[in-house]
Protein backbone atom coordinates (compact mmCIF):
# COMPACT_ATOMS: atom_id res chain seq x y z
CA MET A 1 0.03 -0.10 0.28
CA ILE A 2 1.12 3.39 -1.03
CA ILE A 3 -0.03 6.47 0.96
CA VAL A 4 0.99 10.05 0.70
CA ARG A 5 1.05 11.92 4.12
CA LYS A 6 1.11 14.91 5.25
CA HIS A 7 4.63 16.31 5.91
CA PRO A 8 5.17 16.45 9.88
CA THR A 9 6.91 19.96 9.41
CA ASP A 10 6.79 21.46 5.97
CA ASN A 11 3.60 21.96 4.42
CA LYS A 12 4.62 22.15 1.05
CA MET A 13 6.19 18.92 1.11
CA LYS A 14 4.92 15.59 1.11
CA VAL A 15 5.85 12.00 2.63
CA CYS A 16 5.40 8.86 0.56
CA SER A 17 4.68 6.28 2.95
CA VAL A 18 4.80 2.45 1.74
CA GLU A 19 3.43 -0.18 3.71
CA GLY A 20 3.24 -4.13 3.31
CA THR A 21 5.91 -7.03 3.58
CA LYS A 22 9.57 -6.27 2.38
CA GLU A 23 8.99 -7.77 -1.28
CA ALA A 24 6.00 -6.17 -1.77
CA ILE A 25 7.76 -2.63 -0.41
CA GLU A 26 10.52 -3.47 -3.14
CA LYS A 27 8.30 -4.00 -5.66
CA ALA A 28 6.56 -0.76 -5.05
CA LEU A 29 9.71 1.09 -4.95
CA LYS A 30 10.78 -0.17 -8.43
CA MET A 31 7.39 0.64 -9.66
CA VAL A 32 8.24 4.26 -8.44
CA ARG A 33 11.64 4.46 -9.70
CA GLU A 34 10.19 3.61 -13.00
CA LYS A 35 7.46 6.40 -13.23
CA PHE A 36 9.99 8.70 -11.95
CA PRO A 37 13.65 8.16 -13.08
CA LEU A 38 16.27 9.71 -11.02
CA LYS A 39 18.14 11.40 -13.89
CA ARG A 40 14.73 13.18 -14.77
CA TYR A 41 13.92 13.65 -10.42
CA PRO A 42 16.96 13.58 -8.87
CA GLU A 43 14.79 15.15 -5.92
CA VAL A 44 13.15 11.72 -5.62
CA THR A 45 15.89 9.70 -3.84
CA LEU A 46 13.49 7.42 -2.27
CA GLU A 47 15.88 7.57 0.80
CA GLU A 48 14.06 6.13 3.79
CA VAL A 49 13.65 8.67 6.42
CA HIS A 50 12.96 8.92 10.30
CA PHE A 51 10.71 11.80 11.70
CA THR A 52 11.41 13.25 15.19
CA PRO A 53 8.19 14.17 16.89
CA PRO A 54 7.80 17.94 16.56
CA ILE A 55 7.92 19.74 19.65
CA SER A 56 4.71 22.07 19.68
CA PRO A 57 4.43 25.39 20.79
CA PHE A 58 1.74 25.32 23.92
CA SER A 59 -2.03 25.82 22.54
CA LEU A 60 -5.30 26.55 24.32
CA ILE A 61 -6.65 23.99 22.25
CA PRO A 62 -5.54 20.54 22.64
CA ASP A 63 -4.90 18.71 19.39
CA HIS A 64 -6.85 15.78 20.75
CA LEU A 65 -10.43 17.95 20.71
CA TYR A 66 -10.36 17.86 17.37
CA LEU A 67 -11.82 14.74 15.35
CA LYS A 68 -9.96 14.85 12.31
CA LEU A 69 -10.34 12.39 9.54
CA VAL A 70 -8.06 9.67 9.18
CA GLU A 71 -5.32 9.09 6.60
CA GLY A 72 -5.43 6.59 4.12
CA ILE A 73 -8.67 4.56 5.34
CA ASN A 74 -12.58 5.15 4.26
CA ASN A 75 -13.92 7.62 7.03
CA ASP A 76 -17.39 7.07 7.43
CA THR A 77 -18.81 10.22 7.15
CA ILE A 78 -22.28 12.49 7.09
CA LEU A 79 -22.38 16.09 5.44
CA SER A 80 -22.98 18.56 8.22
CA CYS A 81 -22.83 21.92 6.08
CA LEU A 82 -22.00 22.87 2.38
CA VAL A 83 -20.32 25.82 2.58
CA ALA A 84 -19.52 25.37 -1.31
CA PRO A 85 -20.15 22.43 -3.54
CA ASN A 86 -16.85 21.75 -3.48
CA HIS A 87 -16.14 22.74 0.31
CA LEU A 88 -17.53 20.35 3.17
CA PHE A 89 -17.65 20.05 6.92
CA MET A 90 -18.80 16.17 7.71
CA GLN A 91 -19.68 14.61 11.14
CA GLN A 92 -18.27 10.90 11.61
CA PRO A 93 -21.53 8.96 13.15
CA THR A 94 -19.84 5.85 14.08
CA HIS A 95 -17.11 7.60 16.28
CA PRO A 96 -18.13 6.94 19.72
CA SER A 97 -18.12 10.18 21.10
CA PHE A 98 -21.20 11.12 18.51
CA PRO A 99 -23.93 10.28 20.28
CA SER A 100 -22.83 12.62 23.00
CA LEU A 101 -23.34 15.66 21.08
CA ASN A 102 -27.32 15.92 21.24
CA VAL A 103 -26.42 15.61 25.04
CA LEU A 104 -23.78 18.00 25.03
CA THR A 105 -26.08 20.57 22.63
CA ASN A 106 -29.27 20.16 25.42
CA CYS A 107 -26.99 21.10 28.17
CA MET A 108 -25.29 24.23 26.61
CA ASN A 109 -29.15 25.60 25.51
CA GLY A 110 -30.06 24.77 29.19
CA CYS A 111 -27.30 26.79 30.41
CA TYR A 112 -26.49 29.74 28.17
CA ASN A 113 -30.16 30.65 28.09
CA ASP A 114 -29.53 32.14 31.40
CA CYS A 115 -28.78 35.63 30.61
CA GLN A 116 -26.47 35.92 33.74
CA SER A 117 -23.59 33.68 31.93
CA PRO A 118 -20.47 35.57 31.60
CA MET A 119 -19.67 37.21 28.22
CA LEU A 120 -16.57 37.05 26.68
CA PRO A 121 -13.61 39.56 28.13
CA ASN A 122 -12.83 42.69 25.45
CA PRO A 123 -11.33 42.61 22.99
CA ILE A 124 -11.77 39.51 21.77
CA ALA A 125 -8.79 37.69 20.68
CA PRO A 126 -8.71 35.25 17.82
CA ASN A 127 -9.09 31.30 18.35
CA THR A 128 -10.87 31.69 20.97
CA VAL A 129 -13.60 28.83 21.86
CA CYS A 130 -16.81 30.08 22.88
CA ALA A 131 -20.24 29.28 23.02
CA ALA A 132 -22.01 31.29 20.09
CA TYR A 133 -25.89 31.82 19.64
CA SER A 134 -26.91 31.28 16.11
CA VAL A 135 -30.78 30.68 14.76
CA ASP A 136 -32.26 29.22 17.65
CA GLY A 137 -29.40 27.54 19.77
CA TRP A 138 -26.28 28.13 21.30
CA TYR A 139 -23.07 26.21 19.72
CA ARG A 140 -19.56 25.92 20.35
CA ALA A 141 -18.03 28.32 18.10
CA MET A 142 -13.82 29.60 17.48
CA VAL A 143 -13.75 33.17 16.91
CA LEU A 144 -11.88 34.12 13.87
CA SER A 145 -11.75 37.73 14.06
CA SER A 146 -13.42 40.49 15.84
CA ASP A 147 -14.39 43.90 15.38
CA PRO A 148 -14.46 46.36 18.19
CA GLU A 149 -16.32 48.91 16.21
CA THR A 150 -19.42 46.98 14.75
CA GLU A 151 -18.98 44.83 17.85
CA MET A 152 -19.21 41.41 15.54
CA SER A 153 -17.31 38.67 15.24
CA TYR A 154 -16.48 36.10 12.89
CA VAL A 155 -16.77 32.63 14.04
CA LYS A 156 -16.19 28.81 13.01
CA PHE A 157 -18.71 26.53 14.50
CA LEU A 158 -16.70 23.45 15.69
CA ASP A 159 -19.63 20.79 15.97
CA TYR A 160 -21.86 21.42 12.99
CA GLY A 161 -19.51 23.48 10.58
CA GLY A 162 -19.49 26.96 8.49
CA PHE A 163 -19.10 30.18 9.23
CA ALA A 164 -21.12 33.24 10.34
CA TYR A 165 -20.58 36.85 12.05
CA VAL A 166 -21.72 36.97 15.51
CA GLU A 167 -22.97 40.08 17.77
CA ASN A 168 -20.43 39.63 20.71
CA SER A 169 -23.47 40.28 22.80
CA LYS A 170 -24.17 36.62 21.94
CA LEU A 171 -20.88 35.11 22.66
CA ARG A 172 -20.22 33.59 26.03
CA GLN A 173 -17.01 32.41 27.83
CA ILE A 174 -17.24 28.81 27.61
CA ARG A 175 -17.73 26.10 30.47
CA GLY A 176 -14.71 23.45 30.97
CA ASP A 177 -16.86 20.34 31.26
CA PHE A 178 -18.03 21.74 27.92
CA MET A 179 -14.95 20.97 26.25
CA LEU A 180 -14.37 17.18 27.11
CA LEU A 181 -16.04 15.88 23.99
CA PRO A 182 -13.80 16.64 20.60
CA PHE A 183 -15.61 18.81 17.86
CA GLN A 184 -17.33 16.97 15.63
CA ALA A 185 -17.04 19.16 12.20
CA ALA A 186 -13.96 18.22 10.05
CA GLU A 187 -13.47 20.45 7.09
CA GLY A 188 -12.46 19.02 3.94
CA ILE A 189 -12.21 20.39 -0.04
CA LEU A 190 -12.76 18.22 -2.33
CA ALA A 191 -9.93 16.89 -4.27
CA ASN A 192 -8.17 18.11 -7.98
CA ILE A 193 -11.33 19.44 -9.19
CA ARG A 194 -12.53 23.65 -8.97
CA SER A 195 -15.64 25.37 -10.02
CA LYS A 196 -15.60 26.09 -13.87
CA ASN A 197 -16.69 29.76 -13.14
CA ASP A 198 -13.49 31.17 -11.73
CA GLY A 199 -14.49 30.06 -8.09
CA THR A 200 -18.36 30.71 -7.95
CA TRP A 201 -20.84 27.71 -8.17
CA PRO A 202 -24.20 27.93 -9.53
CA GLU A 203 -27.22 27.12 -7.19
CA GLU A 204 -27.95 24.01 -9.34
CA ALA A 205 -24.37 22.58 -7.85
CA TYR A 206 -25.52 23.44 -4.69
CA ASN A 207 -28.59 21.17 -5.01
CA VAL A 208 -26.94 18.66 -6.71
CA VAL A 209 -24.65 18.11 -3.56
CA ALA A 210 -27.38 18.47 -1.00
CA ASP A 211 -29.55 16.15 -2.82
CA ILE A 212 -26.92 13.07 -2.95
CA THR A 213 -25.70 13.63 0.26
CA LYS A 214 -28.96 14.10 1.93
CA GLY A 215 -29.57 11.32 4.48
CA ALA A 216 -26.47 9.44 3.55
CA ILE A 217 -22.98 7.53 4.57
CA ILE A 218 -19.93 9.23 2.81
CA TYR A 219 -17.11 7.39 2.51
CA THR A 220 -14.33 10.27 2.63
CA GLN A 221 -10.56 9.56 1.89
CA VAL A 222 -7.88 12.03 2.19
CA ALA A 223 -5.80 12.72 -0.66
CA ASP A 224 -3.73 15.53 0.31
CA TYR A 225 -3.83 18.75 2.39
CA THR A 226 -3.84 22.65 1.03
CA GLU A 227 -1.09 24.92 2.85
CA ASP A 228 -3.28 25.72 5.60
CA GLY A 229 -3.50 21.90 6.38
CA VAL A 230 -6.97 21.84 5.50
CA PRO A 231 -7.94 18.08 4.10
CA LEU A 232 -8.21 17.94 0.37
CA VAL A 233 -10.56 14.79 0.11
CA LEU A 234 -12.42 12.00 -2.18
CA CYS A 235 -15.79 11.57 -1.30
CA TYR A 236 -18.11 8.46 -2.42
CA VAL A 237 -21.31 8.68 -1.51
CA VAL A 238 -23.45 5.38 -1.08
CA VAL A 239 -26.70 5.97 -2.46
CA GLY A 240 -27.93 2.61 -2.47
CA PRO A 241 -27.00 -1.22 -1.37
CA THR A 242 -24.64 -1.83 -4.67
CA SER A 243 -24.60 2.27 -5.66
CA ILE A 244 -21.69 4.61 -5.02
CA ILE A 245 -21.40 7.78 -6.80
CA PHE A 246 -17.68 9.25 -6.83
CA LEU A 247 -18.86 13.09 -5.65
CA ASN A 248 -15.54 14.06 -7.26
CA GLN A 249 -16.27 12.73 -10.50
CA HIS A 250 -19.91 13.35 -10.23
CA LEU A 251 -19.70 17.47 -10.29
CA VAL A 252 -17.19 17.23 -13.43
CA ASP A 253 -19.78 14.71 -15.00
CA LYS A 254 -22.35 17.23 -14.44
CA GLY A 255 -20.43 20.22 -15.89
CA PHE A 256 -20.11 22.29 -12.74
CA ALA A 257 -15.95 21.55 -12.13
CA GLU A 258 -13.24 20.88 -13.76
CA TRP A 259 -10.30 18.56 -12.71
CA VAL A 260 -6.71 20.24 -11.78
CA ALA A 261 -3.87 18.54 -11.41
CA MET A 262 -1.98 20.68 -8.60
CA VAL A 263 -2.89 21.55 -5.23
CA GLU A 264 -1.87 24.86 -5.80
CA ASP A 265 -4.80 25.54 -8.33
CA VAL A 266 -7.89 24.66 -5.95
CA PRO A 267 -9.02 27.49 -4.53
CA ILE A 268 -10.61 27.44 -1.20
CA PRO A 269 -13.98 28.53 -1.26
CA CYS A 270 -15.49 31.18 1.32
CA SER A 271 -12.40 33.32 1.59
CA SER A 272 -14.46 36.18 0.50
CA THR A 273 -15.71 38.18 3.55
CA ASP A 274 -18.69 39.55 1.79
CA ALA A 275 -19.42 36.27 0.63
CA THR A 276 -19.55 34.55 3.96
CA GLN A 277 -21.69 37.45 5.01
CA GLN A 278 -24.30 37.07 2.55
CA GLN A 279 -24.79 33.37 3.70
CA GLU A 280 -24.49 33.61 7.36
CA SER A 281 -27.77 33.11 8.16
CA ASP A 282 -27.69 29.64 6.09
CA THR A 283 -24.70 28.39 8.05
CA ILE A 284 -26.14 25.95 10.47
CA THR A 285 -29.69 24.78 10.53
CA THR A 286 -32.47 25.56 13.47
CA LYS A 287 -32.07 21.82 15.19
CA PRO A 288 -28.76 20.43 16.23
CA GLU A 289 -30.60 16.86 15.28
CA THR A 290 -30.41 18.23 11.40
CA ALA A 291 -27.82 18.01 9.07
CA ALA A 292 -26.31 21.49 8.73
CA VAL A 293 -26.94 22.06 4.44
CA GLN A 294 -26.42 25.20 3.12
CA ALA A 295 -28.40 24.96 -0.36
């Protein structure tokens, strides 16, 4: 098995991991060398490398709190938020922690509906994890930026996905016991495709993805990463007992997207503040039990 993994220290590089018996590994390396001749690709040395685990700087948010997609396997996922046809947030319903999400949401609503719950101190620092009110409930969120003049903050929802502008008065300090459950939403960009319309997508493309993925299990594979560390994924939607749709290919077949070969050619959607602000009311659904799909 040959797996391309994220480089532990350099986001611009990748590590090719070959797994199997000694004979199988030698055969695989020979095939790689035939594909990348040394004279033409001198940088592909095929040398065995060992990495010392890097010493991470102190973070207020431990890494184990993020429920990440696992490399080298099919991750059983469901769509929780559709930011763009190629920009998804997914939950893992088979993970042992998933059933506790509804319990957490109910507890947070009971706690923060009390107007006496403490607000965030000003100025609000970026990457602050808090409780944010949206639509009709309280959700765990991370503040990406805050504007003291408008008293608004731009947040990412950590359990259902999506982004929104929220009034600072609707942000609260989060209790320690509400941080025990891993953040359930994993972000992903569909690998090797891009919109045919300069990064914009027609409404029909949103509807196609929403209809195909509604209530369906998605086998999600990590193919690569963006320079910001967001997984580039291959999504296979189970639409029947013997039927699977390759979502990346499906968007190309429908004429909404085109194939690209390089990671650098794939724009990350919703980098525009204005585009996000226009869609903020659709970021999550009104009920935490329902998948948060933007359509």
